[in-house]
Amino acid sequence: RRALEDDVFDEYTVPAGSDIFISVWNLHRSPQLWPEPNAFNPDRFPANKPTPNEITENFAYLPFGGGRRKCIGDQFALFEALVALVVLVRSYDFSLAPGKPEVGMTTGATIHTVAGLWMNVKPRSKTPAEPHSNGAAVLPVSPLGSSTAAAAAPKVPVGAAFTNGSSDTAAAAAAAQAAVPTAGKC
């Protein structure tokens, strides 16, 4: 935001014309706002509570901004990320590739990794899962937009994303069929 006139926030004077930025990265990792802010804690936002957002977390959590200029696609983005995660984790085992650079973060227009995220990706067994505890059948995942049987699901649904970054989909399919994990930069 740009200050239209001189203003004072607590002890900070903001002259007119100044650009003001909120560092969401720092906000989400502030020990003043979050206990153990850098720890992975799935219980931080319990599933039986409202979806965390700027209102439920008193503006300490702003993944989609807040107020009048909040992202209007926030609920769709959360749902889309959840579905993508379920499809991938159901079909593949992931582990960090040994001997690759540590996963460091940097900022620019977006927050991203310094040297990529090197992973070993191995297709899971095609053994059918046991029925759900409520008796419902567990169906195999079918590719999006496919009218074929779910059994024809691709071994690498995201193409070459798990290869060395090339666009060679044949190499991606060959790597996915291998019994041993293939390291790739995601």
Protein backbone atom coordinates (compact mmCIF):
# COMPACT_ATOMS: atom_id res chain seq x y z
CA ARG A 1 0.00 0.00 0.00
CA ARG A 2 1.06 3.60 -0.48
CA ALA A 3 0.44 6.16 2.26
CA LEU A 4 -1.65 9.02 0.87
CA GLU A 5 -0.81 11.31 3.79
CA ASP A 6 1.56 11.40 6.76
CA ASP A 7 0.57 8.94 9.47
CA VAL A 8 1.88 7.40 12.70
CA PHE A 9 1.56 3.72 13.70
CA ASP A 10 2.70 3.16 17.28
CA GLU A 11 6.22 4.64 17.27
CA TYR A 12 6.60 4.54 13.46
CA THR A 13 6.12 7.66 11.36
CA VAL A 14 5.02 6.98 7.78
CA PRO A 15 5.46 9.95 5.43
CA ALA A 16 2.99 10.49 2.59
CA GLY A 17 4.04 8.62 -0.55
CA SER A 18 5.74 5.79 1.37
CA ASP A 19 5.13 2.22 0.25
CA ILE A 20 4.09 -0.12 3.06
CA PHE A 21 4.53 -3.90 2.85
CA ILE A 22 3.53 -6.66 5.26
CA SER A 23 5.97 -9.56 5.30
CA VAL A 24 3.60 -12.51 5.50
CA TRP A 25 6.62 -14.86 5.72
CA ASN A 26 7.80 -13.12 8.91
CA LEU A 27 4.27 -12.73 10.27
CA HIS A 28 3.60 -16.46 9.93
CA ARG A 29 6.90 -17.29 11.68
CA SER A 30 6.78 -14.75 14.50
CA PRO A 31 7.44 -16.24 17.97
CA GLN A 32 5.39 -13.32 19.34
CA LEU A 33 2.32 -14.70 17.57
CA TRP A 34 2.92 -18.46 17.31
CA PRO A 35 4.38 -21.00 19.76
CA GLU A 36 7.22 -22.85 18.01
CA PRO A 37 6.58 -20.97 14.74
CA ASN A 38 9.03 -22.99 12.62
CA ALA A 39 7.80 -26.39 13.83
CA PHE A 40 5.54 -28.51 11.61
CA ASN A 41 2.50 -28.89 13.83
CA PRO A 42 -0.64 -30.28 12.14
CA ASP A 43 -2.58 -29.63 15.36
CA ARG A 44 -1.92 -25.89 15.13
CA PHE A 45 -5.18 -25.60 13.18
CA PRO A 46 -7.48 -28.41 14.43
CA ALA A 47 -9.78 -29.96 11.82
CA ASN A 48 -12.81 -29.57 14.09
CA LYS A 49 -12.37 -25.76 14.20
CA PRO A 50 -13.15 -23.18 11.52
CA THR A 51 -10.72 -22.96 8.60
CA PRO A 52 -7.92 -20.62 9.70
CA ASN A 53 -7.97 -17.20 8.07
CA GLU A 54 -7.31 -13.57 8.96
CA ILE A 55 -10.48 -13.34 11.08
CA THR A 56 -10.15 -16.59 13.08
CA GLU A 57 -6.45 -15.88 13.74
CA ASN A 58 -6.74 -12.13 14.46
CA PHE A 59 -4.76 -11.17 11.32
CA ALA A 60 -1.74 -13.27 12.38
CA TYR A 61 -2.39 -15.68 9.47
CA LEU A 62 -2.76 -14.10 6.03
CA PRO A 63 -1.98 -16.64 3.29
CA PHE A 64 -4.50 -14.92 1.01
CA GLY A 65 -4.34 -11.39 2.39
CA GLY A 66 -7.21 -9.81 4.26
CA GLY A 67 -9.81 -7.10 4.19
CA ARG A 68 -11.25 -5.62 1.02
CA ARG A 69 -8.40 -6.81 -1.20
CA LYS A 70 -8.32 -10.41 0.01
CA CYS A 71 -7.96 -13.06 -2.70
CA ILE A 72 -11.45 -14.05 -3.82
CA GLY A 73 -10.23 -17.53 -4.79
CA ASP A 74 -8.94 -18.54 -1.35
CA GLN A 75 -11.46 -21.32 -0.70
CA PHE A 76 -11.01 -22.75 -4.20
CA ALA A 77 -7.21 -22.65 -3.83
CA LEU A 78 -7.36 -24.50 -0.48
CA PHE A 79 -9.68 -27.16 -1.90
CA GLU A 80 -7.61 -27.52 -5.07
CA ALA A 81 -4.38 -27.94 -3.04
CA LEU A 82 -6.02 -30.56 -0.81
CA VAL A 83 -7.30 -32.58 -3.78
CA ALA A 84 -3.92 -32.42 -5.55
CA LEU A 85 -2.12 -33.52 -2.38
CA VAL A 86 -4.50 -36.46 -1.86
CA VAL A 87 -4.11 -37.65 -5.47
CA LEU A 88 -0.30 -37.42 -5.34
CA VAL A 89 0.18 -38.97 -1.90
CA ARG A 90 -2.20 -41.78 -2.75
CA SER A 91 -0.21 -42.66 -5.87
CA TYR A 92 3.40 -41.97 -4.88
CA ASP A 93 5.87 -42.18 -2.00
CA PHE A 94 8.03 -39.09 -1.60
CA SER A 95 11.36 -38.66 0.18
CA LEU A 96 14.10 -36.06 0.06
CA ALA A 97 16.88 -37.08 -2.32
CA PRO A 98 20.10 -37.74 -0.39
CA GLY A 99 23.15 -35.68 -1.23
CA LYS A 100 21.19 -32.83 -2.78
CA PRO A 101 21.26 -29.18 -1.62
CA GLU A 102 19.39 -28.27 1.55
CA VAL A 103 15.95 -26.79 0.91
CA GLY A 104 16.53 -23.09 1.47
CA MET A 105 13.96 -20.37 0.91
CA THR A 106 14.37 -17.01 -0.79
CA THR A 107 12.06 -14.20 -1.78
CA GLY A 108 11.49 -12.19 -4.90
CA ALA A 109 8.09 -11.64 -6.44
CA THR A 110 7.23 -14.92 -4.69
CA ILE A 111 8.74 -17.11 -1.98
CA HIS A 112 10.56 -20.06 -3.54
CA THR A 113 13.37 -22.53 -2.94
CA VAL A 114 16.98 -21.52 -3.54
CA ALA A 115 18.16 -24.69 -5.31
CA GLY A 116 14.88 -26.49 -5.94
CA LEU A 117 13.30 -29.31 -3.97
CA TRP A 118 15.01 -32.56 -4.93
CA MET A 119 12.82 -35.58 -4.26
CA ASN A 120 12.80 -39.31 -4.78
CA VAL A 121 9.39 -40.19 -6.19
CA LYS A 122 8.35 -43.83 -6.32
CA PRO A 123 4.98 -45.13 -7.53
CA ARG A 124 3.02 -46.89 -4.79
CA SER A 125 1.93 -50.49 -5.12
CA LYS A 126 -1.27 -51.06 -7.09
CA THR A 127 -2.54 -53.39 -4.34
CA PRO A 128 -6.20 -52.52 -3.69
CA ALA A 129 -6.85 -50.79 -0.40
CA GLU A 130 -9.06 -52.32 2.27
CA PRO A 131 -12.64 -50.99 2.34
CA HIS A 132 -13.19 -47.89 4.45
CA SER A 133 -14.34 -48.45 8.02
CA ASN A 134 -17.83 -47.23 7.02
CA GLY A 135 -18.04 -50.04 4.42
CA ALA A 136 -17.61 -47.78 1.39
CA ALA A 137 -15.54 -49.13 -1.47
CA VAL A 138 -12.18 -47.47 -2.09
CA LEU A 139 -11.86 -46.71 -5.80
CA PRO A 140 -8.61 -46.18 -7.71
CA VAL A 141 -7.80 -42.63 -8.77
CA SER A 142 -8.56 -41.89 -12.43
CA PRO A 143 -6.83 -39.15 -14.39
CA LEU A 144 -8.63 -35.85 -14.67
CA GLY A 145 -10.66 -35.56 -17.84
CA SER A 146 -10.38 -39.28 -18.61
CA SER A 147 -13.37 -41.36 -19.63
CA THR A 148 -11.42 -44.61 -19.35
CA ALA A 149 -11.50 -46.97 -16.42
CA ALA A 150 -9.73 -45.86 -13.27
CA ALA A 151 -7.30 -48.76 -13.70
CA ALA A 152 -5.81 -46.91 -16.68
CA ALA A 153 -4.60 -44.06 -14.46
CA PRO A 154 -1.24 -42.74 -15.63
CA LYS A 155 1.87 -43.65 -13.68
CA VAL A 156 3.04 -40.01 -13.77
CA PRO A 157 -0.10 -37.82 -13.81
CA VAL A 158 1.88 -34.59 -13.82
CA GLY A 159 4.10 -35.46 -16.78
CA ALA A 160 7.73 -34.47 -16.53
CA ALA A 161 7.42 -32.58 -13.25
CA PHE A 162 9.33 -35.35 -11.47
CA THR A 163 12.18 -35.59 -13.95
CA ASN A 164 15.27 -33.43 -14.29
CA GLY A 165 13.13 -30.57 -15.58
CA SER A 166 13.11 -31.61 -19.23
CA SER A 167 9.83 -31.86 -21.10
CA ASP A 168 10.50 -35.42 -22.25
CA THR A 169 7.31 -37.20 -21.13
CA ALA A 170 8.56 -40.57 -22.40
CA ALA A 171 11.53 -40.28 -20.03
CA ALA A 172 9.13 -39.32 -17.22
CA ALA A 173 6.98 -42.40 -17.86
CA ALA A 174 10.06 -44.65 -17.99
CA ALA A 175 11.31 -43.21 -14.72
CA ALA A 176 7.91 -43.75 -13.08
CA GLN A 177 7.87 -47.41 -14.11
CA ALA A 178 11.25 -48.10 -12.55
CA ALA A 179 11.11 -49.99 -9.30
CA VAL A 180 13.70 -47.72 -7.70
CA PRO A 181 13.05 -44.07 -6.85
CA THR A 182 14.25 -41.47 -9.34
CA ALA A 183 15.62 -38.22 -7.97
CA GLY A 184 14.15 -35.15 -9.59
CA LYS A 185 13.90 -31.45 -9.03
CA CYS A 186 10.35 -30.31 -8.30
